[in-house]
Amino acid sequence: MDEILQEILGNIEKYYTDKIKKYGVTPKGVDWKDEKGQFIRFEQLSKIFDMNETFSVADIGCGYGKFVDFLDKNFSNYTYFGYDLSSEMVSKAMELYSNKQNVFFRHISSLKEIDQADYVVASGIFNVKLHYSEAEWLFYIFTTLELMNKKSIKGFAFNMLTKYSDREYMKEYLYYADPLFIFDYCKRNFSKKVALIHDYELYEFTILVRK
């Protein structure tokens, strides 16, 4: 299954590199509709953080690093590490945030290359299923969640498209997860302290796992 995993990561890298080349440093460059949606997602993910503490965060699939703008507006004492499979994305991110002393980016080819941090977050990395079967895609999801659990000291957070989306807007190449199944998986495998957030204005949900 390791071969399948590397093949999936390779195809995800190509998909997003094509997007950033086509649309540049814009929400569409990371396959989002608009900036408003990006910031709504960041707001949900950030609920894993403690406002009163100094913390480090690893952002898997960081794109061009837009999460940094959200963190700057809402938190003062943080260190950010952004990781992406696309070298094109990482180059853009490094250009944009080169003046920031607490922000670091790294191009990776395997998820195992991520360093440990207080928190690990991921936004949108489970959405683009492409041509893979549900079993193959779940293998990728579960492998990534295991890694996020291992690399996080205090907890991790991620989002996924929901199976409760309106049918007429659902796309074949995207993955719409069962939020109760994912919540149950995290509860059984990672922690007793798991939150499912499904009450914001996007066709998705966010899971917070606290250690």
Protein backbone atom coordinates (compact mmCIF):
# COMPACT_ATOMS: atom_id res chain seq x y z
CA MET A 1 0.00 0.00 0.00
CA ASP A 2 3.01 2.33 0.34
CA GLU A 3 3.24 2.45 -3.46
CA ILE A 4 -0.40 3.54 -3.68
CA LEU A 5 0.24 6.21 -1.04
CA GLN A 6 3.20 7.66 -2.95
CA GLU A 7 1.20 7.55 -6.19
CA ILE A 8 -1.66 9.45 -4.52
CA LEU A 9 0.75 12.06 -3.13
CA GLY A 10 2.35 12.45 -6.56
CA ASN A 11 -1.01 13.06 -8.23
CA ILE A 12 -2.08 15.49 -5.50
CA GLU A 13 1.19 17.40 -6.01
CA LYS A 14 0.56 17.62 -9.77
CA TYR A 15 -3.06 18.73 -9.27
CA TYR A 16 -2.14 21.62 -6.98
CA THR A 17 0.99 22.64 -8.89
CA ASP A 18 -1.20 23.02 -11.99
CA LYS A 19 -3.61 25.20 -9.98
CA ILE A 20 -0.95 27.58 -8.63
CA LYS A 21 0.62 27.89 -12.10
CA LYS A 22 -2.76 28.70 -13.63
CA TYR A 23 -4.24 31.02 -10.99
CA GLY A 24 -1.21 32.27 -9.03
CA VAL A 25 -1.36 33.43 -5.42
CA THR A 26 -5.16 33.55 -5.18
CA PRO A 27 -7.76 31.32 -3.47
CA LYS A 28 -8.22 29.50 -6.81
CA GLY A 29 -4.48 28.83 -6.81
CA VAL A 30 -5.10 26.45 -3.90
CA ASP A 31 -8.44 25.28 -5.34
CA TRP A 32 -10.70 27.36 -3.06
CA LYS A 33 -13.57 29.51 -4.27
CA ASP A 34 -12.72 32.72 -2.40
CA GLU A 35 -10.78 34.25 0.48
CA LYS A 36 -13.86 34.41 2.71
CA GLY A 37 -14.13 30.60 2.61
CA GLN A 38 -10.41 30.24 3.35
CA PHE A 39 -10.72 32.36 6.49
CA ILE A 40 -13.86 30.55 7.68
CA ARG A 41 -11.88 27.31 7.47
CA PHE A 42 -8.91 28.82 9.34
CA GLU A 43 -11.26 30.03 12.07
CA GLN A 44 -12.60 26.51 12.65
CA LEU A 45 -9.13 24.90 12.63
CA SER A 46 -7.78 27.51 15.06
CA LYS A 47 -10.27 26.41 17.72
CA ILE A 48 -7.71 23.73 18.60
CA PHE A 49 -5.29 26.46 19.83
CA ASP A 50 -5.18 27.98 23.30
CA MET A 51 -5.33 31.78 22.93
CA ASN A 52 -3.24 32.29 26.07
CA GLU A 53 -0.25 30.11 25.23
CA THR A 54 2.84 30.25 23.09
CA PHE A 55 2.58 27.43 20.56
CA SER A 56 4.03 25.90 17.40
CA VAL A 57 1.85 24.71 14.52
CA ALA A 58 2.63 22.49 11.54
CA ASP A 59 0.37 23.13 8.53
CA ILE A 60 0.23 20.15 6.16
CA GLY A 61 -0.62 21.17 2.61
CA CYS A 62 0.09 24.81 3.43
CA GLY A 63 -0.18 26.08 -0.15
CA TYR A 64 1.21 29.61 -0.39
CA GLY A 65 0.87 30.07 3.38
CA LYS A 66 -2.36 32.07 3.69
CA PHE A 67 -2.98 30.65 7.17
CA VAL A 68 -0.15 32.92 8.37
CA ASP A 69 -2.32 36.00 7.66
CA PHE A 70 -5.09 34.58 9.84
CA LEU A 71 -2.67 33.70 12.64
CA ASP A 72 -1.17 37.20 12.56
CA LYS A 73 -4.59 38.75 13.06
CA ASN A 74 -5.61 36.49 15.93
CA PHE A 75 -2.52 35.20 17.75
CA SER A 76 0.71 36.82 18.89
CA ASN A 77 2.95 34.05 20.24
CA TYR A 78 3.22 31.35 17.61
CA THR A 79 5.79 29.62 15.44
CA TYR A 80 4.50 28.34 12.11
CA PHE A 81 5.88 25.53 9.94
CA GLY A 82 4.28 25.10 6.52
CA TYR A 83 4.74 21.90 4.49
CA ASP A 84 3.62 21.20 0.94
CA LEU A 85 4.17 18.55 -1.71
CA SER A 86 4.32 21.25 -4.40
CA SER A 87 7.67 23.03 -4.65
CA GLU A 88 5.87 25.73 -6.65
CA MET A 89 3.59 26.42 -3.66
CA VAL A 90 6.50 26.52 -1.21
CA SER A 91 8.45 28.96 -3.44
CA LYS A 92 5.47 31.34 -3.50
CA ALA A 93 5.03 31.05 0.27
CA MET A 94 8.70 31.78 0.93
CA GLU A 95 8.50 34.88 -1.27
CA LEU A 96 5.37 36.16 0.50
CA TYR A 97 6.56 35.65 4.06
CA SER A 98 10.33 36.03 3.77
CA ASN A 99 10.29 38.92 6.28
CA LYS A 100 8.73 36.87 9.10
CA GLN A 101 11.10 35.45 11.72
CA ASN A 102 8.56 32.96 13.17
CA VAL A 103 7.41 31.43 9.87
CA PHE A 104 9.14 28.56 8.04
CA PHE A 105 8.27 26.59 4.90
CA ARG A 106 9.54 23.29 3.56
CA HIS A 107 8.90 21.29 0.41
CA ILE A 108 8.31 17.60 1.21
CA SER A 109 7.88 14.48 -0.91
CA SER A 110 6.64 12.29 1.96
CA LEU A 111 4.42 13.05 4.94
CA LYS A 112 7.04 11.44 7.19
CA GLU A 113 9.30 14.48 6.68
CA ILE A 114 7.12 16.67 8.92
CA ASP A 115 8.62 17.75 12.25
CA GLN A 116 6.83 17.54 15.58
CA ALA A 117 4.85 20.60 16.75
CA ASP A 118 2.35 21.45 19.48
CA TYR A 119 -0.44 21.32 16.92
CA VAL A 120 -0.79 19.91 13.42
CA VAL A 121 -3.49 21.23 11.07
CA ALA A 122 -4.60 20.36 7.53
CA SER A 123 -7.10 22.21 5.37
CA GLY A 124 -8.49 20.67 2.19
CA ILE A 125 -5.94 17.88 1.79
CA PHE A 126 -8.61 15.13 1.86
CA ASN A 127 -10.94 16.66 -0.73
CA VAL A 128 -9.50 15.88 -4.16
CA LYS A 129 -9.95 12.11 -4.54
CA LEU A 130 -9.35 12.14 -8.31
CA HIS A 131 -9.87 8.63 -9.74
CA TYR A 132 -9.06 6.64 -6.58
CA SER A 133 -11.46 4.17 -4.98
CA GLU A 134 -13.01 4.86 -1.58
CA ALA A 135 -10.80 2.15 -0.02
CA GLU A 136 -7.62 3.70 -1.46
CA TRP A 137 -8.64 7.19 -0.40
CA LEU A 138 -9.51 6.09 3.13
CA PHE A 139 -6.09 4.43 3.37
CA TYR A 140 -4.52 7.79 2.49
CA ILE A 141 -6.76 9.62 5.02
CA PHE A 142 -6.12 7.18 7.88
CA THR A 143 -2.37 7.08 7.21
CA THR A 144 -2.24 10.88 7.27
CA LEU A 145 -4.31 11.11 10.47
CA GLU A 146 -2.01 8.60 12.17
CA LEU A 147 0.91 10.80 11.23
CA MET A 148 -0.84 13.99 12.41
CA ASN A 149 -1.48 12.29 15.74
CA LYS A 150 2.13 11.15 16.03
CA LYS A 151 3.61 14.54 15.10
CA SER A 152 1.33 16.65 17.32
CA ILE A 153 2.07 17.16 21.03
CA LYS A 154 -1.18 18.83 22.11
CA GLY A 155 -3.60 18.01 19.31
CA PHE A 156 -4.52 18.23 15.65
CA ALA A 157 -7.32 19.56 13.45
CA PHE A 158 -8.49 19.00 9.89
CA ASN A 159 -11.49 19.56 7.63
CA MET A 160 -13.30 17.46 5.03
CA LEU A 161 -16.16 17.87 2.60
CA THR A 162 -19.40 16.47 4.04
CA LYS A 163 -21.66 13.80 2.60
CA TYR A 164 -24.54 16.10 3.61
CA SER A 165 -23.71 18.44 0.71
CA ASP A 166 -26.45 19.22 -1.82
CA ARG A 167 -26.42 16.41 -4.40
CA GLU A 168 -26.63 18.69 -7.42
CA TYR A 169 -23.39 20.44 -6.44
CA MET A 170 -21.34 17.32 -5.65
CA LYS A 171 -18.47 16.50 -8.01
CA GLU A 172 -17.27 13.03 -8.99
CA TYR A 173 -13.56 13.69 -8.37
CA LEU A 174 -14.09 15.04 -4.83
CA TYR A 175 -14.44 13.02 -1.63
CA TYR A 176 -17.45 13.64 0.61
CA ALA A 177 -16.91 12.03 4.00
CA ASP A 178 -19.36 10.79 6.60
CA PRO A 179 -18.64 13.13 9.55
CA LEU A 180 -19.94 10.64 12.13
CA PHE A 181 -17.69 7.89 10.79
CA ILE A 182 -14.61 10.17 10.88
CA PHE A 183 -15.51 11.43 14.37
CA ASP A 184 -15.90 7.84 15.59
CA TYR A 185 -12.57 6.82 14.03
CA CYS A 186 -10.74 9.67 15.79
CA LYS A 187 -12.50 8.96 19.09
CA ARG A 188 -11.59 5.26 18.99
CA ASN A 189 -8.03 5.67 17.76
CA PHE A 190 -6.63 8.97 19.00
CA SER A 191 -8.29 10.63 21.98
CA LYS A 192 -11.33 10.87 24.23
CA LYS A 193 -11.38 14.61 23.55
CA VAL A 194 -12.68 14.96 19.98
CA ALA A 195 -14.94 17.72 18.66
CA LEU A 196 -16.97 17.69 15.43
CA ILE A 197 -17.86 21.15 14.08
CA HIS A 198 -20.52 21.06 11.39
CA ASP A 199 -22.45 24.31 11.91
CA TYR A 200 -20.63 26.80 9.70
CA GLU A 201 -21.63 28.00 6.26
CA LEU A 202 -19.59 25.64 4.06
CA TYR A 203 -20.34 22.14 2.77
CA GLU A 204 -17.81 20.57 5.08
CA PHE A 205 -16.94 19.80 8.68
CA THR A 206 -13.92 20.24 10.96
CA ILE A 207 -12.58 17.74 13.49
CA LEU A 208 -10.52 18.81 16.52
CA VAL A 209 -8.55 16.15 18.38
CA ARG A 210 -7.11 17.21 21.73
CA LYS A 211 -4.52 15.03 23.49
